[in-house]
Amino acid sequence: MSQVLEFEQPIITLEEKIAELKRISSADEYGLTSELSGMEKKVEKLLHKTYSSLTPWQKVQVARHEKRPQFLDYTEALIQDFTPLAGDRKFAEDAAIIGGIGRFDGKPVMAIGHQKGTDTTSRLKHNFGYAKPEGYRKVSRLMELAEQFSLPILMFVNTPGAYPGIDAEERGQSEALARSIESCLKVKTPVISTIIGEGGSGGAIAMAVADTIMMLEHSIYSVITPEGCASILWKNPDKKEAAAEALKLTAQDLLQLKIIDHIIPEAIGGAHRHKADTIQNVGKSIAQTLQSYSGMDGGILLAKRRQKFLEIGRNI
């Protein structure tokens, strides 16, 4: 059964009634066309009302929705001839982060992103999007490879955070994250990062130090999860809604704080309801952004990127 968000329950209930009526009333056998039309208009109004006033905690729920498009959905739709490149050349392959070479709008690029998985089997395979050190070392390797061949780098962020397990710490998780951030700041080729769902902690930052940082309208980006923040500050994870508000983790907050550069709109009802439209919107934004970096000298690009991050937190 598909995930149902609590605040969407009235909408889901009405949609189920519409589906049932359509099932039993073929070709307007019972004269229900007018009633169905009215119910569909009511659903549209409910969706617009709900999604135009989401609270920060509700946005967290939407960003985590299991039906939200993931990295492999984007590569399938936007990256032609995508060829995954595995391993960090030091320890192992990490399936939580996938990266490879392909063509975007006919031009070669390096695409790298988190993959959470879509069912129990794939979620276990991709470790729910929690990457270990070898995942972030793979990111560094692929970024350096992209620089060698002057390939623009497209990042797609969607992770609760870097994996916090003992084995990850033993293999140098913090160092791997720092190296990934360093690689983002060193490569002399355009880096565009799009937060497509959940941007959590250092695991997200390690792939979001970019020339342009974009977020989908209902995605989130934060130093810690609301549940983790509530447990630390209030010693009570039930305070997660207050934590979500305090963290300023929405795309709208982060644009105002000048942490990100652009918000990509989602159709009313969210990306989980409008998968193809969302992917198309992301593709258009990436294409426009890439065009703005066309022909820019690598040294100038690098200097602008570094200055961009030095200025974060100033003149807000």
Protein backbone atom coordinates (compact mmCIF):
# COMPACT_ATOMS: atom_id res chain seq x y z
CA MET A 1 0.00 0.00 0.00
CA SER A 2 1.25 3.46 -0.91
CA GLN A 3 2.32 5.80 1.88
CA VAL A 4 -0.44 8.12 3.12
CA LEU A 5 0.51 11.39 4.81
CA GLU A 6 -1.73 12.27 7.75
CA PHE A 7 -2.55 15.76 6.47
CA GLU A 8 -3.46 14.28 3.07
CA GLN A 9 -6.03 11.86 4.52
CA PRO A 10 -9.14 13.92 3.58
CA ILE A 11 -7.81 14.19 0.01
CA ILE A 12 -7.02 10.48 -0.19
CA THR A 13 -10.46 9.57 1.15
CA LEU A 14 -12.15 11.69 -1.50
CA GLU A 15 -9.93 10.29 -4.26
CA GLU A 16 -10.82 6.76 -3.18
CA LYS A 17 -14.52 7.59 -3.37
CA ILE A 18 -14.03 8.99 -6.88
CA ALA A 19 -12.16 5.86 -7.95
CA GLU A 20 -14.91 3.64 -6.56
CA LEU A 21 -17.64 5.62 -8.29
CA LYS A 22 -15.77 5.43 -11.58
CA ARG A 23 -15.40 1.71 -11.15
CA ILE A 24 -19.12 1.07 -10.70
CA SER A 25 -20.48 3.68 -13.12
CA SER A 26 -19.15 2.92 -16.59
CA ALA A 27 -20.36 5.24 -19.37
CA ASP A 28 -22.45 7.28 -16.88
CA GLU A 29 -24.76 4.31 -16.36
CA TYR A 30 -26.06 5.81 -13.13
CA GLY A 31 -25.90 9.49 -14.14
CA LEU A 32 -22.92 10.25 -11.89
CA THR A 33 -20.87 12.33 -14.31
CA SER A 34 -21.88 15.63 -12.73
CA GLU A 35 -21.27 14.35 -9.19
CA LEU A 36 -17.84 12.99 -10.16
CA SER A 37 -16.89 16.31 -11.75
CA GLY A 38 -17.84 18.14 -8.57
CA MET A 39 -15.82 15.77 -6.41
CA GLU A 40 -12.77 16.10 -8.68
CA LYS A 41 -12.97 19.89 -8.42
CA LYS A 42 -13.17 19.56 -4.64
CA VAL A 43 -10.01 17.41 -4.63
CA GLU A 44 -8.21 20.03 -6.72
CA LYS A 45 -9.25 22.79 -4.30
CA LEU A 46 -8.20 20.70 -1.29
CA LEU A 47 -4.81 20.00 -2.85
CA HIS A 48 -4.25 23.67 -3.64
CA LYS A 49 -5.30 24.77 -0.16
CA THR A 50 -3.17 22.13 1.55
CA TYR A 51 -0.01 22.48 -0.52
CA SER A 52 -0.02 26.27 -0.55
CA SER A 53 0.26 26.36 3.25
CA LEU A 54 2.37 23.39 4.32
CA THR A 55 4.09 23.67 7.69
CA PRO A 56 7.83 22.90 7.90
CA TRP A 57 7.07 19.48 9.44
CA GLN A 58 4.60 18.69 6.66
CA LYS A 59 7.29 19.59 4.12
CA VAL A 60 9.61 17.13 5.87
CA GLN A 61 6.99 14.43 5.36
CA VAL A 62 6.52 15.34 1.70
CA ALA A 63 10.30 15.40 1.11
CA ARG A 64 10.54 11.86 2.51
CA HIS A 65 7.56 10.45 0.59
CA GLU A 66 8.32 6.99 -0.81
CA LYS A 67 6.80 7.86 -4.21
CA ARG A 68 8.96 10.95 -4.70
CA PRO A 69 11.23 10.54 -7.77
CA GLN A 70 14.74 9.38 -6.92
CA PHE A 71 18.12 9.66 -8.62
CA LEU A 72 17.63 6.72 -10.97
CA ASP A 73 14.30 8.20 -12.11
CA TYR A 74 16.17 11.37 -13.08
CA THR A 75 18.93 9.53 -14.91
CA GLU A 76 16.37 7.47 -16.80
CA ALA A 77 14.50 10.56 -17.97
CA LEU A 78 17.25 13.15 -18.31
CA ILE A 79 20.60 11.38 -18.82
CA GLN A 80 21.05 9.52 -22.08
CA ASP A 81 23.50 6.58 -22.23
CA PHE A 82 24.03 6.74 -18.47
CA THR A 83 26.91 4.42 -17.54
CA PRO A 84 27.43 3.84 -13.79
CA LEU A 85 31.00 3.83 -12.48
CA ALA A 86 31.41 1.76 -9.33
CA GLY A 87 33.77 1.73 -6.36
CA ASP A 88 36.08 4.11 -4.53
CA ARG A 89 39.28 2.21 -5.54
CA LYS A 90 40.10 1.91 -1.83
CA PHE A 91 37.57 -0.33 -0.11
CA ALA A 92 34.25 -1.14 -1.81
CA GLU A 93 31.25 -0.08 -3.84
CA ASP A 94 28.54 1.84 -1.97
CA ALA A 95 25.06 1.49 -3.49
CA ALA A 96 23.67 4.44 -1.49
CA ILE A 97 25.41 6.76 -3.97
CA ILE A 98 25.34 6.09 -7.70
CA GLY A 99 27.43 8.00 -10.18
CA GLY A 100 28.40 7.76 -13.80
CA ILE A 101 28.87 9.36 -17.19
CA GLY A 102 26.07 10.13 -19.63
CA ARG A 103 24.67 12.82 -21.88
CA PHE A 104 22.43 15.64 -20.76
CA ASP A 105 20.83 17.50 -23.69
CA GLY A 106 23.30 15.66 -25.90
CA LYS A 107 26.38 16.88 -24.01
CA PRO A 108 28.56 14.67 -21.79
CA VAL A 109 28.18 15.11 -18.02
CA MET A 110 29.01 13.35 -14.77
CA ALA A 111 25.83 12.63 -12.80
CA ILE A 112 26.02 11.61 -9.13
CA GLY A 113 23.18 11.10 -6.66
CA HIS A 114 21.81 9.38 -3.59
CA GLN A 115 19.43 6.47 -4.09
CA LYS A 116 17.18 5.45 -1.18
CA GLY A 117 15.35 2.57 -2.84
CA THR A 118 11.69 2.08 -3.68
CA ASP A 119 10.75 -1.19 -1.94
CA THR A 120 12.11 -3.31 0.90
CA THR A 121 14.65 -5.13 -1.25
CA SER A 122 16.04 -2.04 -2.96
CA ARG A 123 16.02 0.00 0.26
CA LEU A 124 18.21 -2.61 1.92
CA LYS A 125 20.48 -2.69 -1.14
CA HIS A 126 20.87 1.11 -1.14
CA ASN A 127 20.98 1.32 2.67
CA PHE A 128 18.02 3.76 2.67
CA GLY A 129 20.27 6.44 1.17
CA TYR A 130 22.76 6.38 4.07
CA ALA A 131 26.18 6.38 2.39
CA LYS A 132 29.32 5.07 4.07
CA PRO A 133 32.87 6.47 3.62
CA GLU A 134 33.41 4.50 0.42
CA GLY A 135 30.36 6.26 -1.05
CA TYR A 136 31.80 9.72 -0.48
CA ARG A 137 35.25 8.61 -1.61
CA LYS A 138 33.57 7.45 -4.82
CA VAL A 139 32.09 10.94 -5.16
CA SER A 140 35.57 12.47 -4.88
CA ARG A 141 36.95 10.01 -7.43
CA LEU A 142 34.21 10.72 -9.94
CA MET A 143 34.53 14.48 -9.51
CA GLU A 144 38.24 14.30 -10.21
CA LEU A 145 37.53 12.15 -13.26
CA ALA A 146 34.98 14.71 -14.47
CA GLU A 147 37.54 17.49 -14.11
CA GLN A 148 40.09 15.48 -16.10
CA PHE A 149 37.67 15.34 -19.05
CA SER A 150 36.09 18.79 -18.48
CA LEU A 151 32.66 17.34 -17.73
CA PRO A 152 30.03 19.38 -15.87
CA ILE A 153 28.99 17.65 -12.64
CA LEU A 154 25.31 17.21 -11.79
CA MET A 155 24.59 16.25 -8.17
CA PHE A 156 21.22 14.97 -6.91
CA VAL A 157 20.93 15.02 -3.12
CA ASN A 158 18.43 12.85 -1.24
CA THR A 159 19.70 11.41 2.05
CA PRO A 160 18.77 11.46 5.75
CA GLY A 161 22.52 11.83 6.36
CA ALA A 162 25.78 9.93 6.21
CA TYR A 163 25.63 6.44 7.73
CA PRO A 164 26.29 6.73 11.51
CA GLY A 165 27.33 3.11 12.16
CA ILE A 166 30.49 1.94 13.90
CA ASP A 167 31.94 0.42 10.72
CA ALA A 168 31.59 3.77 8.92
CA GLU A 169 33.35 5.58 11.76
CA GLU A 170 36.11 2.98 11.77
CA ARG A 171 36.73 3.65 8.07
CA GLY A 172 36.88 7.43 8.50
CA GLN A 173 33.41 8.78 7.80
CA SER A 174 34.18 12.38 8.79
CA GLU A 175 37.39 12.41 6.75
CA ALA A 176 35.56 11.04 3.70
CA LEU A 177 32.91 13.74 4.00
CA ALA A 178 35.56 16.43 4.35
CA ARG A 179 37.41 15.12 1.28
CA SER A 180 34.20 15.15 -0.73
CA ILE A 181 33.56 18.78 0.26
CA GLU A 182 37.18 19.59 -0.63
CA SER A 183 36.74 17.98 -4.04
CA CYS A 184 33.64 20.10 -4.62
CA LEU A 185 35.69 23.21 -3.90
CA LYS A 186 38.66 22.18 -6.05
CA VAL A 187 37.29 20.95 -9.38
CA LYS A 188 37.54 23.44 -12.24
CA THR A 189 34.35 22.38 -13.96
CA PRO A 190 30.74 23.48 -13.29
CA VAL A 191 29.07 21.79 -10.31
CA ILE A 192 25.28 21.96 -10.02
CA SER A 193 23.60 20.38 -7.02
CA THR A 194 19.86 19.77 -6.75
CA ILE A 195 18.22 18.70 -3.51
CA ILE A 196 15.39 16.49 -4.74
CA GLY A 197 14.08 15.22 -1.41
CA GLU A 198 15.80 15.12 1.95
CA GLY A 199 19.10 16.95 2.39
CA GLY A 200 20.39 15.75 5.73
CA SER A 201 23.50 16.83 7.60
CA GLY A 202 27.06 16.32 6.32
CA GLY A 203 25.88 13.57 4.03
CA ALA A 204 24.06 16.23 2.00
CA ILE A 205 26.64 19.00 2.32
CA ALA A 206 29.32 16.69 0.91
CA MET A 207 27.40 16.77 -2.39
CA ALA A 208 25.91 20.26 -2.19
CA VAL A 209 28.99 22.48 -2.29
CA ALA A 210 28.33 23.70 -5.80
CA ASP A 211 28.35 26.69 -8.13
CA THR A 212 24.54 26.57 -8.09
CA ILE A 213 22.43 24.90 -5.40
CA MET A 214 18.79 24.27 -6.26
CA MET A 215 15.98 22.74 -4.23
CA LEU A 216 12.64 21.34 -5.22
CA GLU A 217 9.83 23.36 -3.68
CA HIS A 218 8.95 20.77 -1.03
CA SER A 219 12.42 19.39 -0.34
CA ILE A 220 14.36 20.07 2.87
CA TYR A 221 18.00 20.82 3.74
CA SER A 222 19.24 20.81 7.32
CA VAL A 223 22.17 20.18 9.63
CA ILE A 224 20.16 17.52 11.50
CA THR A 225 16.79 15.78 11.26
CA PRO A 226 13.93 17.39 13.22
CA GLU A 227 13.66 14.20 15.30
CA GLY A 228 17.38 14.33 16.16
CA CYS A 229 17.22 18.03 16.96
CA ALA A 230 14.18 17.53 19.23
CA SER A 231 15.92 14.68 21.07
CA ILE A 232 18.97 16.86 21.75
CA LEU A 233 17.32 20.19 22.59
CA TRP A 234 14.11 19.06 24.31
CA LYS A 235 15.07 15.48 25.19
CA ASN A 236 11.80 14.61 23.50
CA PRO A 237 11.51 13.43 19.87
CA ASP A 238 7.80 14.36 19.94
CA LYS A 239 8.93 18.00 19.66
CA LYS A 240 9.90 17.33 16.04
CA GLU A 241 7.37 19.84 14.66
CA ALA A 242 8.85 22.66 16.74
CA ALA A 243 12.33 21.54 15.71
CA ALA A 244 11.38 21.60 12.02
CA GLU A 245 10.15 25.17 12.45
CA ALA A 246 13.30 26.27 14.29
CA LEU A 247 15.74 24.64 11.87
CA LYS A 248 14.65 26.79 8.90
CA LEU A 249 14.99 23.76 6.64
CA THR A 250 12.52 24.58 3.89
CA ALA A 251 13.56 25.73 0.43
CA GLN A 252 11.80 29.05 1.03
CA ASP A 253 13.72 29.69 4.27
CA LEU A 254 17.04 28.72 2.73
CA LEU A 255 16.57 30.93 -0.31
CA GLN A 256 15.87 33.86 1.99
CA LEU A 257 19.00 33.02 3.99
CA LYS A 258 21.01 32.84 0.73
CA ILE A 259 22.08 29.26 1.38
CA ILE A 260 20.59 28.11 -1.93
CA ASP A 261 20.25 29.87 -5.28
CA HIS A 262 17.00 28.68 -6.82
CA ILE A 263 13.72 26.91 -6.00
CA ILE A 264 12.28 24.52 -8.60
CA PRO A 265 8.46 24.50 -8.45
CA GLU A 266 6.47 21.32 -7.93
CA ALA A 267 2.98 20.83 -9.30
CA ILE A 268 0.14 21.17 -6.76
CA GLY A 269 0.14 17.96 -4.75
CA GLY A 270 3.89 17.46 -4.71
CA ALA A 271 6.47 15.50 -6.69
CA HIS A 272 5.07 12.18 -5.48
CA ARG A 273 1.86 12.93 -7.39
CA HIS A 274 3.50 14.49 -10.45
CA LYS A 275 6.68 12.53 -11.06
CA ALA A 276 7.17 13.24 -14.78
CA ASP A 277 6.38 16.96 -14.46
CA THR A 278 8.80 17.31 -11.55
CA ILE A 279 11.63 15.62 -13.42
CA GLN A 280 10.96 17.82 -16.45
CA ASN A 281 11.08 20.97 -14.27
CA VAL A 282 14.39 19.88 -12.78
CA GLY A 283 15.78 19.19 -16.25
CA LYS A 284 14.80 22.66 -17.47
CA SER A 285 16.43 24.33 -14.47
CA ILE A 286 19.64 22.36 -14.90
CA ALA A 287 19.76 23.17 -18.62
CA GLN A 288 19.35 26.90 -17.98
CA THR A 289 21.98 26.85 -15.25
CA LEU A 290 24.49 24.91 -17.35
CA GLN A 291 24.07 27.42 -20.15
CA SER A 292 25.08 30.23 -17.80
CA TYR A 293 28.44 28.51 -17.20
CA SER A 294 29.14 27.77 -20.85
CA GLY A 295 32.64 28.86 -21.83
CA MET A 296 33.55 30.13 -18.35
CA ASP A 297 37.23 29.74 -17.46
CA GLY A 298 37.88 27.07 -14.82
CA GLY A 299 39.94 29.39 -12.64
CA ILE A 300 37.20 32.02 -12.60
CA LEU A 301 34.59 29.36 -11.88
CA LEU A 302 36.62 28.07 -8.94
CA ALA A 303 37.20 31.55 -7.50
CA LYS A 304 33.49 32.40 -7.73
CA ARG A 305 32.51 29.12 -6.05
CA ARG A 306 34.88 29.65 -3.14
CA GLN A 307 33.77 33.26 -2.70
CA LYS A 308 30.14 32.13 -2.75
CA PHE A 309 30.67 29.95 0.30
CA LEU A 310 32.80 32.49 2.12
CA GLU A 311 29.92 34.94 1.86
CA ILE A 312 27.29 32.59 3.31
CA GLY A 313 26.00 34.06 6.56
CA ARG A 314 27.01 37.63 5.68
CA ASN A 315 24.63 40.44 4.70
CA ILE A 316 21.45 38.45 5.31
